[in-house]
Amino acid sequence: MLRDLSITEFTKVLSGEKPTPGGGAAAALSASLAASLTSMVFNLTIGKKTAENYDEATKASLKNSLEATNRFRARFLELMAQDANAFDDLMDSYKLPKGNEIEVGVRSRRIKEGKKAVLEAPWMLVDESYDMYDVLKIATEYGNKNAISDAGVAAILLHSAIEGAALNVYINLANSEISDKNIELKQKTDELVEKSRLKKEDIVATTIDKIYGRA
């Protein structure tokens, strides 16, 4: 499985002649790296001197956020594999025989299902990556200031993942039938990309202010 490969192995596979893994898997990996960095910030904060004066509610929020980022990290790796598998299945469906009406019907149904599946993974990555901003914001506000740059990098990676996944939504929509549902999906994706950009810029700006002692 993709998530079990070493970094060297993954990048070698990514650079190969096969279309999978591709941009969708790379975007999911970027999101998982963002979650990993955010978890690191929490681990460098919870139980450390930097957090000893926080009230109990804040300490509990930090612990809950750490648990959430660990779940995000694992989930994004699942989506990485799902994205690649869905595309491979769609390509296989185009290779199905079409020698008679029954075969044509089976092939047509499989292609339709495949197109739906290749849209699902990148859309979920856009949607669920955006949800991670809530815990990343907590890391930025209460995390160990010595690791604040890592929170900023996490925001950059997270937005990159959302933009990358959005491109995969768009290209798969372009290869799908026009429908009210697909038009709505395009609009939702556009909105989350723009909202992500604003959140990323806010977190990076806060990060820089803290680095230079302005916050």
Protein backbone atom coordinates (compact mmCIF):
# COMPACT_ATOMS: atom_id res chain seq x y z
CA MET A 1 0.00 0.00 0.00
CA LEU A 2 1.10 3.56 -0.69
CA ARG A 3 1.11 4.60 2.94
CA ASP A 4 3.50 1.78 3.81
CA LEU A 5 6.17 2.92 1.34
CA SER A 6 9.30 4.71 2.49
CA ILE A 7 9.76 8.32 1.39
CA THR A 8 12.32 7.16 -1.17
CA GLU A 9 10.01 4.46 -2.50
CA PHE A 10 6.99 6.77 -2.66
CA THR A 11 8.80 9.50 -4.57
CA LYS A 12 10.17 6.92 -6.98
CA VAL A 13 6.70 5.52 -7.65
CA LEU A 14 5.30 9.04 -7.94
CA SER A 15 7.87 9.92 -10.60
CA GLY A 16 7.17 6.83 -12.70
CA GLU A 17 5.21 6.29 -15.90
CA LYS A 18 1.97 5.22 -14.23
CA PRO A 19 -0.64 7.94 -13.65
CA THR A 20 -1.09 6.75 -10.08
CA PRO A 21 -0.12 7.82 -7.56
CA GLY A 22 -0.47 11.33 -8.90
CA GLY A 23 -1.42 14.81 -7.80
CA GLY A 24 -4.33 13.65 -5.67
CA ALA A 25 -2.16 11.31 -3.64
CA ALA A 26 0.53 13.98 -3.32
CA ALA A 27 -2.07 16.44 -2.04
CA ALA A 28 -3.28 13.93 0.55
CA LEU A 29 0.30 13.33 1.68
CA SER A 30 0.74 17.09 2.05
CA ALA A 31 -2.33 17.20 4.29
CA SER A 32 -0.99 14.32 6.38
CA LEU A 33 2.34 16.13 6.78
CA ALA A 34 0.44 19.23 7.92
CA ALA A 35 -1.34 17.13 10.53
CA SER A 36 1.95 15.58 11.64
CA LEU A 37 3.56 18.98 12.15
CA THR A 38 0.54 20.20 14.08
CA SER A 39 0.71 17.13 16.32
CA MET A 40 4.38 17.88 16.94
CA VAL A 41 3.53 21.40 18.10
CA PHE A 42 1.01 19.99 20.55
CA ASN A 43 3.47 17.35 21.78
CA LEU A 44 6.03 20.09 22.41
CA THR A 45 3.43 22.02 24.42
CA ILE A 46 1.32 19.61 26.43
CA GLY A 47 2.85 18.87 29.84
CA LYS A 48 5.70 21.27 29.18
CA LYS A 49 6.66 24.47 31.02
CA THR A 50 5.21 26.58 28.24
CA ALA A 51 1.72 25.35 29.14
CA GLU A 52 1.93 25.16 32.92
CA ASN A 53 0.08 28.46 33.42
CA TYR A 54 -2.77 27.62 31.06
CA ASP A 55 -6.18 27.08 32.65
CA GLU A 56 -7.64 23.58 32.73
CA ALA A 57 -10.01 24.27 29.84
CA THR A 58 -7.12 25.29 27.60
CA LYS A 59 -5.06 22.27 28.63
CA ALA A 60 -8.00 20.00 27.83
CA SER A 61 -8.43 21.73 24.47
CA LEU A 62 -4.77 21.10 23.65
CA LYS A 63 -5.08 17.39 24.46
CA ASN A 64 -8.29 17.04 22.44
CA SER A 65 -6.69 18.85 19.54
CA LEU A 66 -3.69 16.52 19.61
CA GLU A 67 -6.01 13.53 19.40
CA ALA A 68 -7.82 15.17 16.51
CA THR A 69 -4.65 15.87 14.53
CA ASN A 70 -3.54 12.27 14.97
CA ARG A 71 -6.87 11.17 13.49
CA PHE A 72 -6.48 13.63 10.64
CA ARG A 73 -2.99 12.32 9.90
CA ALA A 74 -4.25 8.75 9.54
CA ARG A 75 -7.36 9.79 7.63
CA PHE A 76 -5.43 11.74 5.01
CA LEU A 77 -3.24 8.71 4.35
CA GLU A 78 -6.40 6.69 3.80
CA LEU A 79 -7.57 9.25 1.26
CA MET A 80 -4.18 9.09 -0.44
CA ALA A 81 -4.72 5.39 -1.14
CA GLN A 82 -8.39 5.87 -1.97
CA ASP A 83 -7.59 8.49 -4.58
CA ALA A 84 -5.09 6.28 -6.40
CA ASN A 85 -7.28 3.17 -6.19
CA ALA A 86 -10.34 4.98 -7.53
CA PHE A 87 -8.44 6.23 -10.57
CA ASP A 88 -6.99 2.78 -11.27
CA ASP A 89 -10.48 1.26 -11.07
CA LEU A 90 -11.84 3.86 -13.49
CA MET A 91 -9.07 3.15 -15.99
CA ASP A 92 -9.78 -0.58 -15.70
CA SER A 93 -13.47 0.04 -16.42
CA TYR A 94 -12.58 1.58 -19.79
CA LYS A 95 -10.78 -1.66 -20.70
CA LEU A 96 -13.88 -3.81 -20.16
CA PRO A 97 -15.21 -5.63 -23.24
CA LYS A 98 -18.06 -4.12 -25.26
CA GLY A 99 -18.80 -6.91 -27.74
CA ASN A 100 -22.53 -7.09 -27.04
CA GLU A 101 -25.30 -5.14 -25.36
CA ILE A 102 -24.78 -6.77 -21.98
CA GLU A 103 -21.06 -6.02 -21.97
CA VAL A 104 -21.70 -2.46 -23.14
CA GLY A 105 -24.17 -2.01 -20.28
CA VAL A 106 -21.77 -3.40 -17.67
CA ARG A 107 -18.95 -1.25 -19.00
CA SER A 108 -21.10 1.86 -19.05
CA ARG A 109 -22.26 1.30 -15.47
CA ARG A 110 -18.73 0.69 -14.22
CA ILE A 111 -17.48 3.86 -15.91
CA LYS A 112 -20.30 5.88 -14.36
CA GLU A 113 -19.53 4.46 -10.91
CA GLY A 114 -15.83 5.05 -11.48
CA LYS A 115 -16.30 8.70 -12.35
CA LYS A 116 -18.29 9.17 -9.17
CA ALA A 117 -15.56 7.47 -7.12
CA VAL A 118 -12.70 9.57 -8.53
CA LEU A 119 -14.59 12.70 -7.51
CA GLU A 120 -15.24 11.47 -4.00
CA ALA A 121 -11.68 11.20 -2.67
CA PRO A 122 -10.41 14.67 -3.69
CA TRP A 123 -13.63 16.32 -2.55
CA MET A 124 -13.38 14.67 0.85
CA LEU A 125 -9.76 15.78 1.06
CA VAL A 126 -10.77 19.39 0.37
CA ASP A 127 -13.59 19.24 2.91
CA GLU A 128 -11.79 17.38 5.69
CA SER A 129 -8.52 19.28 5.28
CA TYR A 130 -10.42 22.51 5.78
CA ASP A 131 -11.85 21.13 9.03
CA MET A 132 -8.30 20.76 10.35
CA TYR A 133 -7.84 24.52 10.49
CA ASP A 134 -9.74 24.58 13.79
CA VAL A 135 -7.09 22.58 15.63
CA LEU A 136 -4.26 24.22 13.72
CA LYS A 137 -5.50 27.58 14.95
CA ILE A 138 -5.32 26.30 18.53
CA ALA A 139 -1.74 25.16 17.92
CA THR A 140 -0.90 28.61 16.58
CA GLU A 141 -2.45 30.43 19.52
CA TYR A 142 -1.31 28.20 22.41
CA GLY A 143 1.52 26.11 21.01
CA ASN A 144 5.14 26.27 22.16
CA LYS A 145 6.53 29.48 20.65
CA ASN A 146 9.77 27.70 19.82
CA ALA A 147 7.77 25.52 17.43
CA ILE A 148 5.51 28.25 16.07
CA SER A 149 7.20 28.18 12.66
CA ASP A 150 6.12 24.55 12.35
CA ALA A 151 2.49 25.61 12.75
CA GLY A 152 3.04 28.10 9.94
CA VAL A 153 4.51 25.42 7.69
CA ALA A 154 1.54 23.18 8.54
CA ALA A 155 -0.84 25.91 7.36
CA ILE A 156 1.05 26.27 4.09
CA LEU A 157 1.01 22.50 3.52
CA LEU A 158 -2.66 22.27 4.42
CA HIS A 159 -3.67 24.97 1.96
CA SER A 160 -1.47 23.35 -0.67
CA ALA A 161 -3.32 20.08 -0.09
CA ILE A 162 -6.67 21.80 -0.48
CA GLU A 163 -5.63 23.57 -3.68
CA GLY A 164 -4.18 20.36 -5.06
CA ALA A 165 -7.25 18.30 -4.21
CA ALA A 166 -9.45 21.02 -5.70
CA LEU A 167 -7.62 20.72 -9.02
CA ASN A 168 -8.46 17.02 -9.01
CA VAL A 169 -12.10 17.82 -8.30
CA TYR A 170 -12.12 20.24 -11.22
CA ILE A 171 -10.52 17.90 -13.75
CA ASN A 172 -12.85 15.08 -12.78
CA LEU A 173 -15.87 17.39 -13.01
CA ALA A 174 -14.71 18.43 -16.47
CA ASN A 175 -14.86 14.77 -17.50
CA SER A 176 -18.30 14.23 -15.97
CA GLU A 177 -21.82 15.07 -17.08
CA ILE A 178 -23.10 18.53 -16.25
CA SER A 179 -25.64 18.30 -13.43
CA ASP A 180 -26.98 20.45 -10.62
CA LYS A 181 -25.08 18.27 -8.16
CA ASN A 182 -21.77 18.72 -9.96
CA ILE A 183 -22.31 22.46 -10.35
CA GLU A 184 -22.94 22.69 -6.60
CA LEU A 185 -19.80 20.64 -5.91
CA LYS A 186 -17.74 23.04 -8.04
CA GLN A 187 -19.14 26.01 -6.11
CA LYS A 188 -18.47 24.39 -2.73
CA THR A 189 -14.91 23.58 -3.77
CA ASP A 190 -14.31 27.14 -4.96
CA GLU A 191 -15.59 28.49 -1.65
CA LEU A 192 -13.41 26.24 0.49
CA VAL A 193 -10.29 27.02 -1.53
CA GLU A 194 -10.83 30.75 -0.99
CA LYS A 195 -11.70 30.33 2.71
CA SER A 196 -8.61 28.15 3.10
CA ARG A 197 -6.43 30.81 1.52
CA LEU A 198 -7.66 33.38 4.03
CA LYS A 199 -7.13 31.05 6.99
CA LYS A 200 -3.67 30.10 5.78
CA GLU A 201 -2.68 33.73 5.39
CA ASP A 202 -4.03 34.55 8.86
CA ILE A 203 -2.07 31.72 10.49
CA VAL A 204 1.13 32.54 8.63
CA ALA A 205 0.80 36.22 9.58
CA THR A 206 0.25 35.25 13.24
CA THR A 207 3.24 32.93 13.04
CA ILE A 208 5.49 35.69 11.73
CA ASP A 209 4.24 38.13 14.37
CA LYS A 210 5.07 35.63 17.11
CA ILE A 211 8.49 34.91 15.66
CA TYR A 212 9.35 38.60 15.85
CA GLY A 213 7.67 39.13 19.20
CA ARG A 214 4.81 41.20 17.87
CA ALA A 215 2.16 38.89 19.30
